[in-house]
Amino acid sequence: MADSLWVKTDGKLHRIEIGGSGSTQTVQTDKSRDAVLTAGTAYTVPAHTVGKGVLVYLGGLLYTDFTDVSATTIFFDVDIPATMEIVVVVEA
């Protein structure tokens, strides 16, 4: 049985499965950067299926306002401060 969490978007709760049977998770941690990560700038993440299996945490909170551009790239929809930790969890 897979673990799951619930995310509220568009005023509705959505279930997101994490750690499904036989799955492998990759965690990428970026504690800080030299400068602000400007909205729309390509941000490299571990390889994944586009539109599926990516969880992003900013400063420890789940963040859902990003665009999944390719198998290894996302765009944030807002500027991310240089000192804000980014954690990306990808399910392969």
N, C-alpha and C. Protein backbone atom coordinates (compact mmCIF):
# COMPACT_ATOMS: atom_id res chain seq x y z
N MET A 1 0.84 -1.19 0.00
CA MET A 1 0.00 0.00 0.00
C MET A 1 0.89 1.25 0.00
N ALA A 2 0.56 2.18 -0.84
CA ALA A 2 1.35 3.41 -0.97
C ALA A 2 0.94 4.42 0.10
N ASP A 3 1.91 5.22 0.53
CA ASP A 3 1.61 6.34 1.41
C ASP A 3 1.02 7.45 0.55
N SER A 4 0.30 8.34 1.18
CA SER A 4 -0.25 9.45 0.41
C SER A 4 -0.34 10.68 1.29
N LEU A 5 -0.51 11.82 0.63
CA LEU A 5 -0.78 13.05 1.33
C LEU A 5 -1.87 13.77 0.57
N TRP A 6 -2.47 14.73 1.22
CA TRP A 6 -3.57 15.48 0.61
C TRP A 6 -3.12 16.92 0.39
N VAL A 7 -3.40 17.44 -0.78
CA VAL A 7 -3.03 18.80 -1.15
C VAL A 7 -4.29 19.54 -1.54
N LYS A 8 -4.44 20.77 -1.04
CA LYS A 8 -5.61 21.57 -1.40
C LYS A 8 -5.23 22.53 -2.52
N THR A 9 -5.87 22.37 -3.68
CA THR A 9 -5.70 23.28 -4.80
C THR A 9 -7.06 23.52 -5.41
N ASP A 10 -7.27 24.70 -5.92
CA ASP A 10 -8.55 25.06 -6.53
C ASP A 10 -9.72 24.83 -5.58
N GLY A 11 -9.48 24.96 -4.28
CA GLY A 11 -10.54 24.79 -3.29
C GLY A 11 -10.95 23.34 -3.07
N LYS A 12 -10.20 22.39 -3.64
CA LYS A 12 -10.52 20.97 -3.50
C LYS A 12 -9.33 20.22 -2.96
N LEU A 13 -9.58 19.12 -2.26
CA LEU A 13 -8.51 18.27 -1.77
C LEU A 13 -8.19 17.21 -2.81
N HIS A 14 -6.89 17.02 -3.06
CA HIS A 14 -6.44 16.03 -4.03
C HIS A 14 -5.46 15.09 -3.33
N ARG A 15 -5.62 13.78 -3.56
CA ARG A 15 -4.75 12.78 -2.95
C ARG A 15 -3.54 12.58 -3.86
N ILE A 16 -2.35 12.61 -3.27
CA ILE A 16 -1.11 12.37 -4.00
C ILE A 16 -0.45 11.16 -3.36
N GLU A 17 -0.25 10.11 -4.15
CA GLU A 17 0.44 8.92 -3.64
C GLU A 17 1.94 9.15 -3.66
N ILE A 18 2.58 8.70 -2.61
CA ILE A 18 4.04 8.76 -2.55
C ILE A 18 4.55 7.40 -2.08
N GLY A 19 5.64 6.97 -2.65
CA GLY A 19 6.25 5.72 -2.22
C GLY A 19 5.44 4.50 -2.56
N GLY A 20 4.83 4.47 -3.74
CA GLY A 20 4.03 3.32 -4.16
C GLY A 20 4.86 2.05 -4.22
N SER A 21 4.18 0.94 -4.29
CA SER A 21 4.81 -0.38 -4.33
C SER A 21 5.82 -0.46 -5.47
N GLY A 22 7.04 -0.85 -5.14
CA GLY A 22 8.08 -1.02 -6.14
C GLY A 22 8.65 0.28 -6.68
N SER A 23 8.27 1.41 -6.14
CA SER A 23 8.76 2.69 -6.66
C SER A 23 10.07 3.08 -5.99
N THR A 24 10.79 3.95 -6.64
CA THR A 24 12.03 4.48 -6.11
C THR A 24 11.90 5.99 -6.05
N GLN A 25 12.31 6.58 -4.95
CA GLN A 25 12.25 8.03 -4.80
C GLN A 25 13.65 8.61 -4.79
N THR A 26 13.79 9.75 -5.44
CA THR A 26 15.04 10.50 -5.43
C THR A 26 14.75 11.84 -4.77
N VAL A 27 15.60 12.23 -3.84
CA VAL A 27 15.41 13.51 -3.14
C VAL A 27 16.59 14.42 -3.47
N GLN A 28 16.25 15.63 -3.90
CA GLN A 28 17.27 16.65 -4.21
C GLN A 28 17.05 17.82 -3.25
N THR A 29 18.11 18.23 -2.56
CA THR A 29 18.01 19.33 -1.61
C THR A 29 18.94 20.46 -2.04
N ASP A 30 18.38 21.66 -2.07
CA ASP A 30 19.12 22.87 -2.43
C ASP A 30 18.89 23.87 -1.30
N LYS A 31 19.85 23.93 -0.36
CA LYS A 31 19.65 24.75 0.84
C LYS A 31 19.70 26.24 0.55
N SER A 32 20.50 26.67 -0.41
CA SER A 32 20.55 28.09 -0.77
C SER A 32 21.24 28.24 -2.11
N ARG A 33 21.11 29.43 -2.68
CA ARG A 33 21.72 29.76 -3.95
C ARG A 33 22.43 31.10 -3.82
N ASP A 34 23.21 31.46 -4.82
CA ASP A 34 23.93 32.73 -4.79
C ASP A 34 23.01 33.92 -5.02
N ALA A 35 21.86 33.68 -5.67
CA ALA A 35 20.95 34.78 -6.00
C ALA A 35 19.51 34.27 -6.02
N VAL A 36 18.59 35.20 -6.11
CA VAL A 36 17.17 34.86 -6.23
C VAL A 36 16.97 34.01 -7.48
N LEU A 37 16.15 32.98 -7.37
CA LEU A 37 15.77 32.17 -8.53
C LEU A 37 14.53 32.84 -9.12
N THR A 38 14.70 33.50 -10.23
CA THR A 38 13.64 34.30 -10.84
C THR A 38 12.56 33.42 -11.43
N ALA A 39 11.31 33.84 -11.28
CA ALA A 39 10.17 33.10 -11.85
C ALA A 39 10.42 32.84 -13.33
N GLY A 40 10.13 31.61 -13.77
CA GLY A 40 10.30 31.26 -15.16
C GLY A 40 11.68 30.76 -15.53
N THR A 41 12.63 30.80 -14.58
CA THR A 41 13.98 30.30 -14.83
C THR A 41 13.97 28.78 -14.73
N ALA A 42 14.65 28.10 -15.66
CA ALA A 42 14.73 26.64 -15.63
C ALA A 42 15.42 26.19 -14.35
N TYR A 43 14.83 25.21 -13.67
CA TYR A 43 15.41 24.64 -12.46
C TYR A 43 15.52 23.13 -12.68
N THR A 44 16.73 22.61 -12.60
CA THR A 44 16.98 21.20 -12.87
C THR A 44 16.56 20.32 -11.70
N VAL A 45 15.81 19.26 -12.02
CA VAL A 45 15.35 18.30 -11.02
C VAL A 45 15.72 16.89 -11.50
N PRO A 46 15.66 15.89 -10.61
CA PRO A 46 15.95 14.51 -11.05
C PRO A 46 14.96 14.06 -12.13
N ALA A 47 15.40 13.12 -12.96
CA ALA A 47 14.58 12.60 -14.06
C ALA A 47 13.28 12.00 -13.54
N HIS A 48 12.19 12.31 -14.25
CA HIS A 48 10.86 11.84 -13.87
C HIS A 48 9.94 11.87 -15.10
N THR A 49 8.74 11.34 -14.94
CA THR A 49 7.73 11.42 -15.99
C THR A 49 7.05 12.77 -15.87
N VAL A 50 7.02 13.54 -16.96
CA VAL A 50 6.43 14.88 -16.94
C VAL A 50 4.96 14.80 -16.51
N GLY A 51 4.61 15.68 -15.56
CA GLY A 51 3.24 15.76 -15.08
C GLY A 51 2.89 14.74 -14.01
N LYS A 52 3.88 13.99 -13.54
CA LYS A 52 3.60 12.94 -12.57
C LYS A 52 4.80 12.70 -11.66
N GLY A 53 4.55 12.54 -10.40
CA GLY A 53 5.58 12.08 -9.48
C GLY A 53 6.58 13.10 -8.99
N VAL A 54 6.26 14.40 -9.05
CA VAL A 54 7.18 15.42 -8.54
C VAL A 54 6.51 16.16 -7.38
N LEU A 55 7.17 16.17 -6.24
CA LEU A 55 6.73 16.96 -5.09
C LEU A 55 7.81 17.99 -4.81
N VAL A 56 7.42 19.25 -4.64
CA VAL A 56 8.36 20.33 -4.37
C VAL A 56 8.00 20.96 -3.02
N TYR A 57 9.02 21.13 -2.19
CA TYR A 57 8.85 21.77 -0.88
C TYR A 57 9.72 23.01 -0.84
N LEU A 58 9.13 24.13 -0.48
CA LEU A 58 9.86 25.39 -0.30
C LEU A 58 9.82 25.75 1.17
N GLY A 59 10.98 25.86 1.76
CA GLY A 59 11.03 26.18 3.19
C GLY A 59 10.26 25.18 4.04
N GLY A 60 10.19 23.93 3.59
CA GLY A 60 9.52 22.87 4.34
C GLY A 60 8.04 22.71 4.05
N LEU A 61 7.48 23.59 3.23
CA LEU A 61 6.05 23.52 2.90
C LEU A 61 5.86 23.04 1.48
N LEU A 62 4.86 22.18 1.27
CA LEU A 62 4.57 21.68 -0.07
C LEU A 62 4.18 22.85 -0.96
N TYR A 63 4.77 22.89 -2.15
CA TYR A 63 4.54 23.98 -3.11
C TYR A 63 4.03 23.37 -4.41
N THR A 64 2.92 23.87 -4.92
CA THR A 64 2.31 23.28 -6.12
C THR A 64 2.27 24.21 -7.32
N ASP A 65 2.70 25.46 -7.18
CA ASP A 65 2.63 26.41 -8.29
C ASP A 65 3.92 26.43 -9.10
N PHE A 66 4.21 25.31 -9.75
CA PHE A 66 5.36 25.22 -10.64
C PHE A 66 4.91 24.55 -11.92
N THR A 67 5.68 24.73 -12.98
CA THR A 67 5.37 24.14 -14.27
C THR A 67 6.38 23.04 -14.55
N ASP A 68 5.86 21.85 -14.81
CA ASP A 68 6.70 20.69 -15.11
C ASP A 68 7.01 20.72 -16.60
N VAL A 69 8.19 21.21 -16.97
CA VAL A 69 8.54 21.51 -18.36
C VAL A 69 9.06 20.30 -19.13
N SER A 70 9.95 19.54 -18.50
CA SER A 70 10.54 18.38 -19.17
C SER A 70 10.87 17.32 -18.12
N ALA A 71 11.47 16.23 -18.55
CA ALA A 71 11.80 15.13 -17.64
C ALA A 71 12.84 15.54 -16.59
N THR A 72 13.52 16.66 -16.80
CA THR A 72 14.54 17.10 -15.84
C THR A 72 14.46 18.59 -15.49
N THR A 73 13.36 19.25 -15.86
CA THR A 73 13.27 20.70 -15.64
C THR A 73 11.88 21.12 -15.19
N ILE A 74 11.85 22.03 -14.20
CA ILE A 74 10.61 22.71 -13.82
C ILE A 74 10.85 24.21 -13.85
N PHE A 75 9.77 24.98 -13.91
CA PHE A 75 9.81 26.43 -13.76
C PHE A 75 8.97 26.78 -12.55
N PHE A 76 9.47 27.67 -11.69
CA PHE A 76 8.66 28.19 -10.59
C PHE A 76 7.86 29.37 -11.12
N ASP A 77 6.66 29.55 -10.60
CA ASP A 77 5.79 30.63 -11.06
C ASP A 77 6.01 31.93 -10.30
N VAL A 78 6.87 31.89 -9.29
CA VAL A 78 7.21 33.08 -8.49
C VAL A 78 8.72 33.09 -8.26
N ASP A 79 9.25 34.22 -7.85
CA ASP A 79 10.66 34.31 -7.48
C ASP A 79 10.88 33.52 -6.18
N ILE A 80 12.00 32.80 -6.10
CA ILE A 80 12.34 32.04 -4.90
C ILE A 80 13.57 32.71 -4.27
N PRO A 81 13.45 33.18 -3.02
CA PRO A 81 14.59 33.84 -2.37
C PRO A 81 15.83 32.93 -2.32
N ALA A 82 16.98 33.54 -2.38
CA ALA A 82 18.25 32.80 -2.39
C ALA A 82 18.44 31.94 -1.15
N THR A 83 17.85 32.36 -0.04
CA THR A 83 18.05 31.65 1.23
C THR A 83 16.96 30.61 1.51
N MET A 84 15.96 30.48 0.62
CA MET A 84 14.88 29.52 0.86
C MET A 84 15.28 28.13 0.37
N GLU A 85 15.17 27.17 1.25
CA GLU A 85 15.51 25.79 0.90
C GLU A 85 14.48 25.22 -0.08
N ILE A 86 14.99 24.52 -1.10
CA ILE A 86 14.14 23.83 -2.08
C ILE A 86 14.43 22.34 -1.96
N VAL A 87 13.39 21.56 -1.72
CA VAL A 87 13.53 20.09 -1.69
C VAL A 87 12.59 19.54 -2.76
N VAL A 88 13.13 18.70 -3.63
CA VAL A 88 12.35 18.07 -4.69
C VAL A 88 12.39 16.56 -4.47
N VAL A 89 11.21 15.95 -4.42
CA VAL A 89 11.09 14.50 -4.30
C VAL A 89 10.48 13.99 -5.59
N VAL A 90 11.19 13.06 -6.25
CA VAL A 90 10.76 12.53 -7.53
C VAL A 90 10.58 11.03 -7.39
N GLU A 91 9.46 10.55 -7.87
CA GLU A 91 9.20 9.13 -7.87
C GLU A 91 9.47 8.58 -9.26
N ALA A 92 10.36 7.60 -9.35
CA ALA A 92 10.71 7.03 -10.66
C ALA A 92 9.94 5.76 -10.92
